[in-house]
Amino acid sequence: MSTKTDFTNWLDRINKTETVSDSIVAFNFGLFETESSYTIYLTGSETFDEEDDDWATNVNFEPEDKYFELDPSTMKGKDWEKALEVYEGLVSEYVNSENFNNSIFKNAEAITTGFDDGNLVRVK
């Protein structure tokens, strides 16, 4: 399977197994580097502040299946900037897909991605 398919399947599993309160207004797909690759995790927050990325540390929702790791062979020899580009692309494609319209994310005010120690990129 492709990375895009694996990522979509991960989000579809979350959509089938999780319920999100209407109070969740923003989701963050946080990134961090592991020994072998890069991993993304999903959290939701009851707050959002376009001017201050610290809103993402207010975690009010965490799915049971919180983490998705890029296949290490996909990222071999790639730096963090490439990882961010790949994940930003995956999140953006999902937001613009038909699956998004029937997802727990559809009513969010904002959806972001980025490394824990860097700036967040707003995808929605």
PDB file of N, CA and C in Angstrom:
ATOM      1  N   MET A   1       0.826  -1.193   0.000  1.00  0.00           N
ATOM      2  CA  MET A   1       0.000   0.000   0.000  1.00  0.00           C
ATOM      3  C   MET A   1       0.867   1.251   0.000  1.00  0.00           C
ATOM      4  N   SER A   2       0.296   2.320  -0.450  1.00  0.00           N
ATOM      5  CA  SER A   2       1.022   3.584  -0.490  1.00  0.00           C
ATOM      6  C   SER A   2       0.896   4.312   0.846  1.00  0.00           C
ATOM      7  N   THR A   3       1.782   5.270   1.049  1.00  0.00           N
ATOM      8  CA  THR A   3       1.740   6.085   2.265  1.00  0.00           C
ATOM      9  C   THR A   3       0.403   6.811   2.368  1.00  0.00           C
ATOM     10  N   LYS A   4      -0.069   7.347   1.252  1.00  0.00           N
ATOM     11  CA  LYS A   4      -1.348   8.074   1.256  1.00  0.00           C
ATOM     12  C   LYS A   4      -2.491   7.149   1.674  1.00  0.00           C
ATOM     13  N   THR A   5      -2.516   5.929   1.146  1.00  0.00           N
ATOM     14  CA  THR A   5      -3.555   4.964   1.500  1.00  0.00           C
ATOM     15  C   THR A   5      -3.472   4.594   2.973  1.00  0.00           C
ATOM     16  N   ASP A   6      -2.264   4.331   3.457  1.00  0.00           N
ATOM     17  CA  ASP A   6      -2.075   3.987   4.869  1.00  0.00           C
ATOM     18  C   ASP A   6      -2.544   5.126   5.773  1.00  0.00           C
ATOM     19  N   PHE A   7      -2.203   6.359   5.410  1.00  0.00           N
ATOM     20  CA  PHE A   7      -2.596   7.532   6.192  1.00  0.00           C
ATOM     21  C   PHE A   7      -4.115   7.685   6.202  1.00  0.00           C
ATOM     22  N   THR A   8      -4.734   7.571   5.048  1.00  0.00           N
ATOM     23  CA  THR A   8      -6.195   7.675   4.936  1.00  0.00           C
ATOM     24  C   THR A   8      -6.869   6.574   5.749  1.00  0.00           C
ATOM     25  N   ASN A   9      -6.327   5.359   5.676  1.00  0.00           N
ATOM     26  CA  ASN A   9      -6.894   4.246   6.442  1.00  0.00           C
ATOM     27  C   ASN A   9      -6.798   4.516   7.946  1.00  0.00           C
ATOM     28  N   TRP A  10      -5.680   5.096   8.384  1.00  0.00           N
ATOM     29  CA  TRP A  10      -5.511   5.455   9.795  1.00  0.00           C
ATOM     30  C   TRP A  10      -6.600   6.440  10.227  1.00  0.00           C
ATOM     31  N   LEU A  11      -6.802   7.485   9.433  1.00  0.00           N
ATOM     32  CA  LEU A  11      -7.825   8.484   9.777  1.00  0.00           C
ATOM     33  C   LEU A  11      -9.230   7.896   9.696  1.00  0.00           C
ATOM     34  N   ASP A  12      -9.464   7.017   8.725  1.00  0.00           N
ATOM     35  CA  ASP A  12     -10.775   6.373   8.620  1.00  0.00           C
ATOM     36  C   ASP A  12     -11.061   5.488   9.836  1.00  0.00           C
ATOM     37  N   ARG A  13     -10.031   4.796  10.347  1.00  0.00           N
ATOM     38  CA  ARG A  13     -10.202   3.992  11.569  1.00  0.00           C
ATOM     39  C   ARG A  13     -10.573   4.891  12.745  1.00  0.00           C
ATOM     40  N   ILE A  14      -9.905   6.044  12.845  1.00  0.00           N
ATOM     41  CA  ILE A  14     -10.215   6.993  13.915  1.00  0.00           C
ATOM     42  C   ILE A  14     -11.659   7.474  13.782  1.00  0.00           C
ATOM     43  N   ASN A  15     -12.073   7.774  12.566  1.00  0.00           N
ATOM     44  CA  ASN A  15     -13.443   8.244  12.330  1.00  0.00           C
ATOM     45  C   ASN A  15     -14.485   7.207  12.730  1.00  0.00           C
ATOM     46  N   LYS A  16     -14.175   5.932  12.562  1.00  0.00           N
ATOM     47  CA  LYS A  16     -15.119   4.866  12.885  1.00  0.00           C
ATOM     48  C   LYS A  16     -15.176   4.563  14.376  1.00  0.00           C
ATOM     49  N   THR A  17     -14.101   4.847  15.106  1.00  0.00           N
ATOM     50  CA  THR A  17     -14.021   4.410  16.501  1.00  0.00           C
ATOM     51  C   THR A  17     -14.099   5.539  17.522  1.00  0.00           C
ATOM     52  N   GLU A  18     -13.995   6.773  17.084  1.00  0.00           N
ATOM     53  CA  GLU A  18     -13.946   7.902  18.018  1.00  0.00           C
ATOM     54  C   GLU A  18     -15.149   8.822  17.859  1.00  0.00           C
ATOM     55  N   THR A  19     -15.524   9.434  18.969  1.00  0.00           N
ATOM     56  CA  THR A  19     -16.542  10.472  18.982  1.00  0.00           C
ATOM     57  C   THR A  19     -15.884  11.737  19.518  1.00  0.00           C
ATOM     58  N   VAL A  20     -16.148  12.847  18.870  1.00  0.00           N
ATOM     59  CA  VAL A  20     -15.532  14.108  19.263  1.00  0.00           C
ATOM     60  C   VAL A  20     -16.620  15.086  19.701  1.00  0.00           C
ATOM     61  N   SER A  21     -16.402  15.687  20.837  1.00  0.00           N
ATOM     62  CA  SER A  21     -17.314  16.689  21.363  1.00  0.00           C
ATOM     63  C   SER A  21     -17.363  17.906  20.431  1.00  0.00           C
ATOM     64  N   ASP A  22     -18.500  18.553  20.388  1.00  0.00           N
ATOM     65  CA  ASP A  22     -18.649  19.784  19.598  1.00  0.00           C
ATOM     66  C   ASP A  22     -17.737  20.895  20.112  1.00  0.00           C
ATOM     67  N   SER A  23     -17.232  20.743  21.329  1.00  0.00           N
ATOM     68  CA  SER A  23     -16.360  21.770  21.907  1.00  0.00           C
ATOM     69  C   SER A  23     -14.949  21.742  21.303  1.00  0.00           C
ATOM     70  N   ILE A  24     -14.611  20.681  20.582  1.00  0.00           N
ATOM     71  CA  ILE A  24     -13.297  20.603  19.924  1.00  0.00           C
ATOM     72  C   ILE A  24     -13.359  21.454  18.663  1.00  0.00           C
ATOM     73  N   VAL A  25     -12.564  22.535  18.638  1.00  0.00           N
ATOM     74  CA  VAL A  25     -12.613  23.475  17.513  1.00  0.00           C
ATOM     75  C   VAL A  25     -11.394  23.382  16.594  1.00  0.00           C
ATOM     76  N   ALA A  26     -10.363  22.660  17.051  1.00  0.00           N
ATOM     77  CA  ALA A  26      -9.148  22.580  16.236  1.00  0.00           C
ATOM     78  C   ALA A  26      -8.445  21.248  16.466  1.00  0.00           C
ATOM     79  N   PHE A  27      -7.795  20.773  15.405  1.00  0.00           N
ATOM     80  CA  PHE A  27      -7.005  19.548  15.471  1.00  0.00           C
ATOM     81  C   PHE A  27      -5.583  19.868  15.038  1.00  0.00           C
ATOM     82  N   ASN A  28      -4.650  19.198  15.693  1.00  0.00           N
ATOM     83  CA  ASN A  28      -3.248  19.340  15.316  1.00  0.00           C
ATOM     84  C   ASN A  28      -2.660  17.968  15.023  1.00  0.00           C
ATOM     85  N   PHE A  29      -1.984  17.879  13.888  1.00  0.00           N
ATOM     86  CA  PHE A  29      -1.216  16.699  13.530  1.00  0.00           C
ATOM     87  C   PHE A  29       0.237  17.029  13.843  1.00  0.00           C
ATOM     88  N   GLY A  30       0.649  16.707  15.056  1.00  0.00           N
ATOM     89  CA  GLY A  30       1.994  17.012  15.513  1.00  0.00           C
ATOM     90  C   GLY A  30       3.006  16.020  14.954  1.00  0.00           C
ATOM     91  N   LEU A  31       4.235  16.478  14.771  1.00  0.00           N
ATOM     92  CA  LEU A  31       5.296  15.639  14.204  1.00  0.00           C
ATOM     93  C   LEU A  31       6.473  15.540  15.153  1.00  0.00           C
ATOM     94  N   PHE A  32       7.116  14.385  15.124  1.00  0.00           N
ATOM     95  CA  PHE A  32       8.390  14.232  15.817  1.00  0.00           C
ATOM     96  C   PHE A  32       9.212  13.158  15.123  1.00  0.00           C
ATOM     97  N   GLU A  33      10.519  13.249  15.301  1.00  0.00           N
ATOM     98  CA  GLU A  33      11.440  12.302  14.682  1.00  0.00           C
ATOM     99  C   GLU A  33      11.681  11.133  15.622  1.00  0.00           C
ATOM    100  N   THR A  34      11.695   9.921  15.059  1.00  0.00           N
ATOM    101  CA  THR A  34      12.026   8.714  15.813  1.00  0.00           C
ATOM    102  C   THR A  34      13.378   8.207  15.329  1.00  0.00           C
ATOM    103  N   GLU A  35      13.847   7.126  15.909  1.00  0.00           N
ATOM    104  CA  GLU A  35      15.136   6.559  15.481  1.00  0.00           C
ATOM    105  C   GLU A  35      15.128   6.166  14.016  1.00  0.00           C
ATOM    106  N   SER A  36      13.983   5.661  13.553  1.00  0.00           N
ATOM    107  CA  SER A  36      13.947   5.120  12.201  1.00  0.00           C
ATOM    108  C   SER A  36      13.178   5.962  11.189  1.00  0.00           C
ATOM    109  N   SER A  37      12.377   6.912  11.643  1.00  0.00           N
ATOM    110  CA  SER A  37      11.542   7.649  10.695  1.00  0.00           C
ATOM    111  C   SER A  37      10.972   8.908  11.357  1.00  0.00           C
ATOM    112  N   TYR A  38       9.788   9.281  10.933  1.00  0.00           N
ATOM    113  CA  TYR A  38       9.041  10.396  11.505  1.00  0.00           C
ATOM    114  C   TYR A  38       7.648   9.907  11.829  1.00  0.00           C
ATOM    115  N   THR A  39       7.101  10.399  12.929  1.00  0.00           N
ATOM    116  CA  THR A  39       5.775   9.981  13.373  1.00  0.00           C
ATOM    117  C   THR A  39       4.894  11.201  13.524  1.00  0.00           C
ATOM    118  N   ILE A  40       3.624  11.010  13.198  1.00  0.00           N
ATOM    119  CA  ILE A  40       2.626  12.046  13.374  1.00  0.00           C
ATOM    120  C   ILE A  40       1.652  11.575  14.446  1.00  0.00           C
ATOM    121  N   TYR A  41       1.130  12.512  15.210  1.00  0.00           N
ATOM    122  CA  TYR A  41       0.110  12.170  16.201  1.00  0.00           C
ATOM    123  C   TYR A  41      -1.020  13.181  16.088  1.00  0.00           C
ATOM    124  N   LEU A  42      -2.185  12.750  16.515  1.00  0.00           N
ATOM    125  CA  LEU A  42      -3.382  13.572  16.402  1.00  0.00           C
ATOM    126  C   LEU A  42      -3.885  13.987  17.774  1.00  0.00           C
ATOM    127  N   THR A  43      -4.161  15.275  17.931  1.00  0.00           N
ATOM    128  CA  THR A  43      -4.828  15.786  19.129  1.00  0.00           C
ATOM    129  C   THR A  43      -5.870  16.818  18.714  1.00  0.00           C
ATOM    130  N   GLY A  44      -6.811  17.053  19.619  1.00  0.00           N
ATOM    131  CA  GLY A  44      -7.826  18.072  19.395  1.00  0.00           C
ATOM    132  C   GLY A  44      -7.882  19.015  20.577  1.00  0.00           C
ATOM    133  N   SER A  45      -8.311  20.240  20.323  1.00  0.00           N
ATOM    134  CA  SER A  45      -8.336  21.261  21.368  1.00  0.00           C
ATOM    135  C   SER A  45      -9.645  22.043  21.341  1.00  0.00           C
ATOM    136  N   GLU A  46     -10.042  22.485  22.530  1.00  0.00           N
ATOM    137  CA  GLU A  46     -11.216  23.344  22.654  1.00  0.00           C
ATOM    138  C   GLU A  46     -10.877  24.805  22.399  1.00  0.00           C
ATOM    139  N   THR A  47      -9.599  25.089  22.157  1.00  0.00           N
ATOM    140  CA  THR A  47      -9.168  26.457  21.874  1.00  0.00           C
ATOM    141  C   THR A  47      -8.379  26.490  20.575  1.00  0.00           C
ATOM    142  N   PHE A  48      -8.366  27.655  19.950  1.00  0.00           N
ATOM    143  CA  PHE A  48      -7.539  27.899  18.774  1.00  0.00           C
ATOM    144  C   PHE A  48      -7.185  29.372  18.740  1.00  0.00           C
ATOM    145  N   ASP A  49      -5.920  29.652  18.503  1.00  0.00           N
ATOM    146  CA  ASP A  49      -5.445  31.029  18.405  1.00  0.00           C
ATOM    147  C   ASP A  49      -4.484  31.104  17.224  1.00  0.00           C
ATOM    148  N   GLU A  50      -4.927  31.757  16.171  1.00  0.00           N
ATOM    149  CA  GLU A  50      -4.126  31.855  14.953  1.00  0.00           C
ATOM    150  C   GLU A  50      -2.785  32.547  15.196  1.00  0.00           C
ATOM    151  N   GLU A  51      -2.718  33.399  16.207  1.00  0.00           N
ATOM    152  CA  GLU A  51      -1.507  34.164  16.482  1.00  0.00           C
ATOM    153  C   GLU A  51      -0.543  33.464  17.448  1.00  0.00           C
ATOM    154  N   ASP A  52      -1.003  32.399  18.098  1.00  0.00           N
ATOM    155  CA  ASP A  52      -0.181  31.741  19.125  1.00  0.00           C
ATOM    156  C   ASP A  52      -0.344  30.222  19.033  1.00  0.00           C
ATOM    157  N   ASP A  53       0.694  29.541  18.547  1.00  0.00           N
ATOM    158  CA  ASP A  53       0.649  28.092  18.351  1.00  0.00           C
ATOM    159  C   ASP A  53       0.536  27.295  19.650  1.00  0.00           C
ATOM    160  N   ASP A  54       0.676  27.955  20.780  1.00  0.00           N
ATOM    161  CA  ASP A  54       0.566  27.250  22.060  1.00  0.00           C
ATOM    162  C   ASP A  54      -0.823  26.664  22.299  1.00  0.00           C
ATOM    163  N   TRP A  55      -1.815  27.088  21.530  1.00  0.00           N
ATOM    164  CA  TRP A  55      -3.156  26.513  21.659  1.00  0.00           C
ATOM    165  C   TRP A  55      -3.087  24.993  21.517  1.00  0.00           C
ATOM    166  N   ALA A  56      -2.154  24.511  20.701  1.00  0.00           N
ATOM    167  CA  ALA A  56      -2.063  23.074  20.410  1.00  0.00           C
ATOM    168  C   ALA A  56      -1.632  22.253  21.625  1.00  0.00           C
ATOM    169  N   THR A  57      -1.107  22.904  22.657  1.00  0.00           N
ATOM    170  CA  THR A  57      -0.726  22.176  23.869  1.00  0.00           C
ATOM    171  C   THR A  57      -1.925  21.956  24.792  1.00  0.00           C
ATOM    172  N   ASN A  58      -3.050  22.577  24.487  1.00  0.00           N
ATOM    173  CA  ASN A  58      -4.298  22.356  25.227  1.00  0.00           C
ATOM    174  C   ASN A  58      -4.988  21.134  24.629  1.00  0.00           C
ATOM    175  N   VAL A  59      -4.625  19.977  25.096  1.00  0.00           N
ATOM    176  CA  VAL A  59      -5.122  18.725  24.523  1.00  0.00           C
ATOM    177  C   VAL A  59      -6.405  18.309  25.237  1.00  0.00           C
ATOM    178  N   ASN A  60      -7.502  18.367  24.486  1.00  0.00           N
ATOM    179  CA  ASN A  60      -8.801  17.985  25.020  1.00  0.00           C
ATOM    180  C   ASN A  60      -9.361  16.741  24.336  1.00  0.00           C
ATOM    181  N   PHE A  61      -8.657  16.273  23.313  1.00  0.00           N
ATOM    182  CA  PHE A  61      -9.047  15.055  22.602  1.00  0.00           C
ATOM    183  C   PHE A  61      -7.795  14.334  22.134  1.00  0.00           C
ATOM    184  N   GLU A  62      -7.756  13.023  22.403  1.00  0.00           N
ATOM    185  CA  GLU A  62      -6.700  12.156  21.896  1.00  0.00           C
ATOM    186  C   GLU A  62      -7.345  10.833  21.510  1.00  0.00           C
ATOM    187  N   PRO A  63      -7.225  10.428  20.260  1.00  0.00           N
ATOM    188  CA  PRO A  63      -7.800   9.138  19.883  1.00  0.00           C
ATOM    189  C   PRO A  63      -6.969   7.991  20.461  1.00  0.00           C
ATOM    190  N   GLU A  64      -7.586   6.857  20.614  1.00  0.00           N
ATOM    191  CA  GLU A  64      -6.861   5.688  21.107  1.00  0.00           C
ATOM    192  C   GLU A  64      -5.722   5.327  20.154  1.00  0.00           C
ATOM    193  N   ASP A  65      -5.999   5.405  18.859  1.00  0.00           N
ATOM    194  CA  ASP A  65      -4.995   5.116  17.816  1.00  0.00           C
ATOM    195  C   ASP A  65      -4.354   6.446  17.412  1.00  0.00           C
ATOM    196  N   LYS A  66      -3.569   7.001  18.303  1.00  0.00           N
ATOM    197  CA  LYS A  66      -3.081   8.386  18.203  1.00  0.00           C
ATOM    198  C   LYS A  66      -1.940   8.595  17.209  1.00  0.00           C
ATOM    199  N   TYR A  67      -1.136   7.555  16.944  1.00  0.00           N
ATOM    200  CA  TYR A  67       0.112   7.723  16.191  1.00  0.00           C
ATOM    201  C   TYR A  67       0.099   7.045  14.824  1.00  0.00           C
ATOM    202  N   PHE A  68       0.792   7.685  13.875  1.00  0.00           N
ATOM    203  CA  PHE A  68       1.003   7.114  12.544  1.00  0.00           C
ATOM    204  C   PHE A  68       2.458   7.378  12.161  1.00  0.00           C
ATOM    205  N   GLU A  69       3.197   6.313  11.877  1.00  0.00           N
ATOM    206  CA  GLU A  69       4.604   6.470  11.501  1.00  0.00           C
ATOM    207  C   GLU A  69       4.777   6.276  10.002  1.00  0.00           C
ATOM    208  N   LEU A  70       5.508   7.202   9.399  1.00  0.00           N
ATOM    209  CA  LEU A  70       5.862   7.041   7.992  1.00  0.00           C
ATOM    210  C   LEU A  70       6.771   5.837   7.862  1.00  0.00           C
ATOM    211  N   ASP A  71       6.564   5.049   6.842  1.00  0.00           N
ATOM    212  CA  ASP A  71       7.420   3.898   6.574  1.00  0.00           C
ATOM    213  C   ASP A  71       8.866   4.376   6.510  1.00  0.00           C
ATOM    214  N   PRO A  72       9.750   3.774   7.323  1.00  0.00           N
ATOM    215  CA  PRO A  72      11.150   4.214   7.350  1.00  0.00           C
ATOM    216  C   PRO A  72      11.810   4.233   5.974  1.00  0.00           C
ATOM    217  N   SER A  73      11.428   3.307   5.092  1.00  0.00           N
ATOM    218  CA  SER A  73      12.042   3.286   3.754  1.00  0.00           C
ATOM    219  C   SER A  73      11.636   4.516   2.938  1.00  0.00           C
ATOM    220  N   THR A  74      10.467   5.071   3.226  1.00  0.00           N
ATOM    221  CA  THR A  74       9.994   6.274   2.536  1.00  0.00           C
ATOM    222  C   THR A  74      10.848   7.484   2.898  1.00  0.00           C
ATOM    223  N   MET A  75      11.299   7.521   4.155  1.00  0.00           N
ATOM    224  CA  MET A  75      12.002   8.698   4.653  1.00  0.00           C
ATOM    225  C   MET A  75      13.520   8.528   4.742  1.00  0.00           C
ATOM    226  N   LYS A  76      14.032   7.370   4.329  1.00  0.00           N
ATOM    227  CA  LYS A  76      15.470   7.119   4.429  1.00  0.00           C
ATOM    228  C   LYS A  76      16.251   8.219   3.712  1.00  0.00           C
ATOM    229  N   GLY A  77      17.161   8.853   4.441  1.00  0.00           N
ATOM    230  CA  GLY A  77      17.991   9.900   3.874  1.00  0.00           C
ATOM    231  C   GLY A  77      17.313  11.254   3.742  1.00  0.00           C
ATOM    232  N   LYS A  78      16.059  11.365   4.197  1.00  0.00           N
ATOM    233  CA  LYS A  78      15.322  12.627   4.090  1.00  0.00           C
ATOM    234  C   LYS A  78      15.455  13.407   5.403  1.00  0.00           C
ATOM    235  N   ASP A  79      15.467  14.731   5.289  1.00  0.00           N
ATOM    236  CA  ASP A  79      15.572  15.567   6.482  1.00  0.00           C
ATOM    237  C   ASP A  79      14.177  15.956   6.990  1.00  0.00           C
ATOM    238  N   TRP A  80      14.152  16.691   8.100  1.00  0.00           N
ATOM    239  CA  TRP A  80      12.893  17.071   8.729  1.00  0.00           C
ATOM    240  C   TRP A  80      12.019  17.936   7.824  1.00  0.00           C
ATOM    241  N   GLU A  81      12.659  18.746   6.972  1.00  0.00           N
ATOM    242  CA  GLU A  81      11.882  19.607   6.076  1.00  0.00           C
ATOM    243  C   GLU A  81      11.089  18.777   5.075  1.00  0.00           C
ATOM    244  N   LYS A  82      11.703  17.700   4.585  1.00  0.00           N
ATOM    245  CA  LYS A  82      11.009  16.802   3.659  1.00  0.00           C
ATOM    246  C   LYS A  82       9.879  16.076   4.380  1.00  0.00           C
ATOM    247  N   ALA A  83      10.128  15.666   5.637  1.00  0.00           N
ATOM    248  CA  ALA A  83       9.080  15.001   6.421  1.00  0.00           C
ATOM    249  C   ALA A  83       7.885  15.932   6.605  1.00  0.00           C
ATOM    250  N   LEU A  84       8.141  17.193   6.927  1.00  0.00           N
ATOM    251  CA  LEU A  84       7.069  18.163   7.085  1.00  0.00           C
ATOM    252  C   LEU A  84       6.302  18.326   5.775  1.00  0.00           C
ATOM    253  N   GLU A  85       7.019  18.395   4.682  1.00  0.00           N
ATOM    254  CA  GLU A  85       6.388  18.535   3.363  1.00  0.00           C
ATOM    255  C   GLU A  85       5.485  17.331   3.064  1.00  0.00           C
ATOM    256  N   VAL A  86       5.975  16.128   3.360  1.00  0.00           N
ATOM    257  CA  VAL A  86       5.194  14.909   3.113  1.00  0.00           C
ATOM    258  C   VAL A  86       3.928  14.912   3.962  1.00  0.00           C
ATOM    259  N   TYR A  87       4.069  15.162   5.260  1.00  0.00           N
ATOM    260  CA  TYR A  87       2.905  15.145   6.140  1.00  0.00           C
ATOM    261  C   TYR A  87       1.935  16.286   5.835  1.00  0.00           C
ATOM    262  N   GLU A  88       2.443  17.445   5.540  1.00  0.00           N
ATOM    263  CA  GLU A  88       1.560  18.556   5.179  1.00  0.00           C
ATOM    264  C   GLU A  88       0.744  18.180   3.948  1.00  0.00           C
ATOM    265  N   GLY A  89       1.392  17.527   3.000  1.00  0.00           N
ATOM    266  CA  GLY A  89       0.694  17.077   1.793  1.00  0.00           C
ATOM    267  C   GLY A  89      -0.382  16.046   2.103  1.00  0.00           C
ATOM    268  N   LEU A  90      -0.066  15.086   2.978  1.00  0.00           N
ATOM    269  CA  LEU A  90      -1.040  14.054   3.350  1.00  0.00           C
ATOM    270  C   LEU A  90      -2.256  14.654   4.054  1.00  0.00           C
ATOM    271  N   VAL A  91      -2.014  15.548   4.998  1.00  0.00           N
ATOM    272  CA  VAL A  91      -3.112  16.178   5.738  1.00  0.00           C
ATOM    273  C   VAL A  91      -3.948  17.033   4.787  1.00  0.00           C
ATOM    274  N   SER A  92      -3.293  17.794   3.941  1.00  0.00           N
ATOM    275  CA  SER A  92      -3.990  18.661   2.991  1.00  0.00           C
ATOM    276  C   SER A  92      -4.845  17.847   2.021  1.00  0.00           C
ATOM    277  N   GLU A  93      -4.290  16.764   1.506  1.00  0.00           N
ATOM    278  CA  GLU A  93      -5.064  15.912   0.593  1.00  0.00           C
ATOM    279  C   GLU A  93      -6.292  15.344   1.290  1.00  0.00           C
ATOM    280  N   TYR A  94      -6.124  14.951   2.546  1.00  0.00           N
ATOM    281  CA  TYR A  94      -7.268  14.408   3.286  1.00  0.00           C
ATOM    282  C   TYR A  94      -8.339  15.482   3.489  1.00  0.00           C
ATOM    283  N   VAL A  95      -7.926  16.677   3.878  1.00  0.00           N
ATOM    284  CA  VAL A  95      -8.871  17.773   4.094  1.00  0.00           C
ATOM    285  C   VAL A  95      -9.654  18.078   2.816  1.00  0.00           C
ATOM    286  N   ASN A  96      -9.044  17.860   1.676  1.00  0.00           N
ATOM    287  CA  ASN A  96      -9.700  18.141   0.396  1.00  0.00           C
ATOM    288  C   ASN A  96     -10.349  16.906  -0.224  1.00  0.00           C
ATOM    289  N   SER A  97     -10.457  15.826   0.542  1.00  0.00           N
ATOM    290  CA  SER A  97     -11.027  14.588   0.017  1.00  0.00           C
ATOM    291  C   SER A  97     -12.494  14.432   0.406  1.00  0.00           C
ATOM    292  N   GLU A  98     -13.145  13.496  -0.241  1.00  0.00           N
ATOM    293  CA  GLU A  98     -14.532  13.170   0.079  1.00  0.00           C
ATOM    294  C   GLU A  98     -14.648  12.604   1.499  1.00  0.00           C
ATOM    295  N   ASN A  99     -13.645  11.854   1.933  1.00  0.00           N
ATOM    296  CA  ASN A  99     -13.657  11.257   3.275  1.00  0.00           C
ATOM    297  C   ASN A  99     -13.772  12.341   4.350  1.00  0.00           C
ATOM    298  N   PHE A 100     -13.151  13.477   4.118  1.00  0.00           N
ATOM    299  CA  PHE A 100     -13.158  14.574   5.092  1.00  0.00           C
ATOM    300  C   PHE A 100     -14.579  15.045   5.387  1.00  0.00           C
ATOM    301  N   ASN A 101     -15.413  15.079   4.368  1.00  0.00           N
ATOM    302  CA  ASN A 101     -16.778  15.589   4.512  1.00  0.00           C
ATOM    303  C   ASN A 101     -17.632  14.759   5.464  1.00  0.00           C
ATOM    304  N   ASN A 102     -17.223  13.522   5.719  1.00  0.00           N
ATOM    305  CA  ASN A 102     -17.954  12.638   6.625  1.00  0.00           C
ATOM    306  C   ASN A 102     -17.120  12.293   7.855  1.00  0.00           C
ATOM    307  N   SER A 103     -16.190  13.155   8.198  1.00  0.00           N
ATOM    308  CA  SER A 103     -15.241  12.840   9.266  1.00  0.00           C
ATOM    309  C   SER A 103     -15.500  13.649  10.534  1.00  0.00           C
ATOM    310  N   ILE A 104     -14.804  13.262  11.599  1.00  0.00           N
ATOM    311  CA  ILE A 104     -14.877  13.994  12.859  1.00  0.00           C
ATOM    312  C   ILE A 104     -14.225  15.366  12.750  1.00  0.00           C
ATOM    313  N   PHE A 105     -13.496  15.607  11.674  1.00  0.00           N
ATOM    314  CA  PHE A 105     -12.748  16.853  11.485  1.00  0.00           C
ATOM    315  C   PHE A 105     -13.529  17.931  10.736  1.00  0.00           C
ATOM    316  N   LYS A 106     -14.630  17.568  10.100  1.00  0.00           N
ATOM    317  CA  LYS A 106     -15.301  18.460   9.139  1.00  0.00           C
ATOM    318  C   LYS A 106     -15.743  19.796   9.718  1.00  0.00           C
ATOM    319  N   ASN A 107     -16.088  19.844  11.005  1.00  0.00           N
ATOM    320  CA  ASN A 107     -16.571  21.095  11.601  1.00  0.00           C
ATOM    321  C   ASN A 107     -15.491  21.899  12.309  1.00  0.00           C
ATOM    322  N   ALA A 108     -14.261  21.448  12.210  1.00  0.00           N
ATOM    323  CA  ALA A 108     -13.164  22.138  12.905  1.00  0.00           C
ATOM    324  C   ALA A 108     -12.928  23.528  12.323  1.00  0.00           C
ATOM    325  N   GLU A 109     -12.643  24.451  13.208  1.00  0.00           N
ATOM    326  CA  GLU A 109     -12.275  25.806  12.785  1.00  0.00           C
ATOM    327  C   GLU A 109     -10.896  25.795  12.133  1.00  0.00           C
ATOM    328  N   ALA A 110     -10.007  24.936  12.653  1.00  0.00           N
ATOM    329  CA  ALA A 110      -8.637  24.886  12.140  1.00  0.00           C
ATOM    330  C   ALA A 110      -8.081  23.471  12.229  1.00  0.00           C
ATOM    331  N   ILE A 111      -7.216  23.158  11.272  1.00  0.00           N
ATOM    332  CA  ILE A 111      -6.439  21.921  11.272  1.00  0.00           C
ATOM    333  C   ILE A 111      -5.020  22.315  10.923  1.00  0.00           C
ATOM    334  N   THR A 112      -4.079  21.904  11.776  1.00  0.00           N
ATOM    335  CA  THR A 112      -2.681  22.288  11.584  1.00  0.00           C
ATOM    336  C   THR A 112      -1.784  21.052  11.618  1.00  0.00           C
ATOM    337  N   THR A 113      -0.540  21.253  11.177  1.00  0.00           N
ATOM    338  CA  THR A 113       0.491  20.236  11.306  1.00  0.00           C
ATOM    339  C   THR A 113       1.821  20.946  11.516  1.00  0.00           C
ATOM    340  N   GLY A 114       2.754  20.238  12.101  1.00  0.00           N
ATOM    341  CA  GLY A 114       4.077  20.810  12.317  1.00  0.00           C
ATOM    342  C   GLY A 114       4.812  20.076  13.416  1.00  0.00           C
ATOM    343  N   PHE A 115       6.111  20.328  13.499  1.00  0.00           N
ATOM    344  CA  PHE A 115       6.937  19.714  14.533  1.00  0.00           C
ATOM    345  C   PHE A 115       6.654  20.353  15.880  1.00  0.00           C
ATOM    346  N   ASP A 116       6.791  19.556  16.929  1.00  0.00           N
ATOM    347  CA  ASP A 116       6.522  20.033  18.294  1.00  0.00           C
ATOM    348  C   ASP A 116       7.326  21.278  18.635  1.00  0.00           C
ATOM    349  N   ASP A 117       8.535  21.363  18.154  1.00  0.00           N
ATOM    350  CA  ASP A 117       9.406  22.505  18.496  1.00  0.00           C
ATOM    351  C   ASP A 117       9.495  23.534  17.387  1.00  0.00           C
ATOM    352  N   GLY A 118       8.529  23.512  16.462  1.00  0.00           N
ATOM    353  CA  GLY A 118       8.559  24.459  15.345  1.00  0.00           C
ATOM    354  C   GLY A 118       7.214  25.161  15.196  1.00  0.00           C
ATOM    355  N   ASN A 119       7.064  25.872  14.110  1.00  0.00           N
ATOM    356  CA  ASN A 119       5.822  26.579  13.817  1.00  0.00           C
ATOM    357  C   ASN A 119       4.808  25.619  13.202  1.00  0.00           C
ATOM    358  N   LEU A 120       3.545  25.857  13.490  1.00  0.00           N
ATOM    359  CA  LEU A 120       2.487  25.057  12.911  1.00  0.00           C
ATOM    360  C   LEU A 120       2.099  25.619  11.558  1.00  0.00           C
ATOM    361  N   VAL A 121       1.733  24.725  10.647  1.00  0.00           N
ATOM    362  CA  VAL A 121       1.251  25.090   9.319  1.00  0.00           C
ATOM    363  C   VAL A 121      -0.252  24.838   9.311  1.00  0.00           C
ATOM    364  N   ARG A 122      -1.018  25.868   9.017  1.00  0.00           N
ATOM    365  CA  ARG A 122      -2.476  25.716   8.978  1.00  0.00           C
ATOM    366  C   ARG A 122      -2.882  25.134   7.635  1.00  0.00           C
ATOM    367  N   VAL A 123      -3.572  24.009   7.694  1.00  0.00           N
ATOM    368  CA  VAL A 123      -4.048  23.321   6.488  1.00  0.00           C
ATOM    369  C   VAL A 123      -5.501  23.673   6.219  1.00  0.00           C
ATOM    370  N   LYS A 124      -6.243  23.953   7.273  1.00  0.00           N
ATOM    371  CA  LYS A 124      -7.653  24.382   7.133  1.00  0.00           C
ATOM    372  C   LYS A 124      -7.875  25.528   8.113  1.00  0.00           C
TER     373      LYS A 124
END
